[in-house]
Amino acid sequence: MSARPTSLRYIETSALLAAILEGDAEAAASLRADGVRVTSALTFAEAQRALRRAVVSQRIDADTERQALLVLHTFRQRCDVIDVTDSILTRVGLPFPVEPVRTLDAIHLASSASLGELPQFITVVTRDERVAANARALGFALE
């Protein structure tokens, strides 16, 4: 009898930013939940850009940005990071169940699908309704 695969948790940028920028306790708990955390390399580019925009718009100050970047760095060290490969980009160009899908969202969806596990063994952690609708339609668990 083979063991059940380890629970994989694909962390999409919106959930990470909700925890870091919004102080969303539910999002933070989702990030700390049991299982292997996986995300796209794209997540870190998006998060850094969001932090920079928050400083420029005076939503946060430079000290808060530094603290958030430290949290982001720590999170990266605790995750398996998926590169944005040619095969992921090829999948991005194909239809998704709930269209339209923005390009960066499609990269996240294609990345989660590239994990090589049945969708029911992968939980997509997101706060983005378009990502959630497609992840649900693709058979992923949601949080």
Foldseek 3Di string as FASTA:
>chain_A
DDDDDWFEEEEAQQLLCCCLPVVPPVSVVSLVDDTAYEYEPVSLVVNLVVLVVCCVVVVDHPVSSVVSVVVVVVSVVRHHYDYQDPVLVVQLPDDFPDDDDDSVLSSGVSRQVPPPDQQCSYEYEHPDVVSVVRSVVSPHHYD
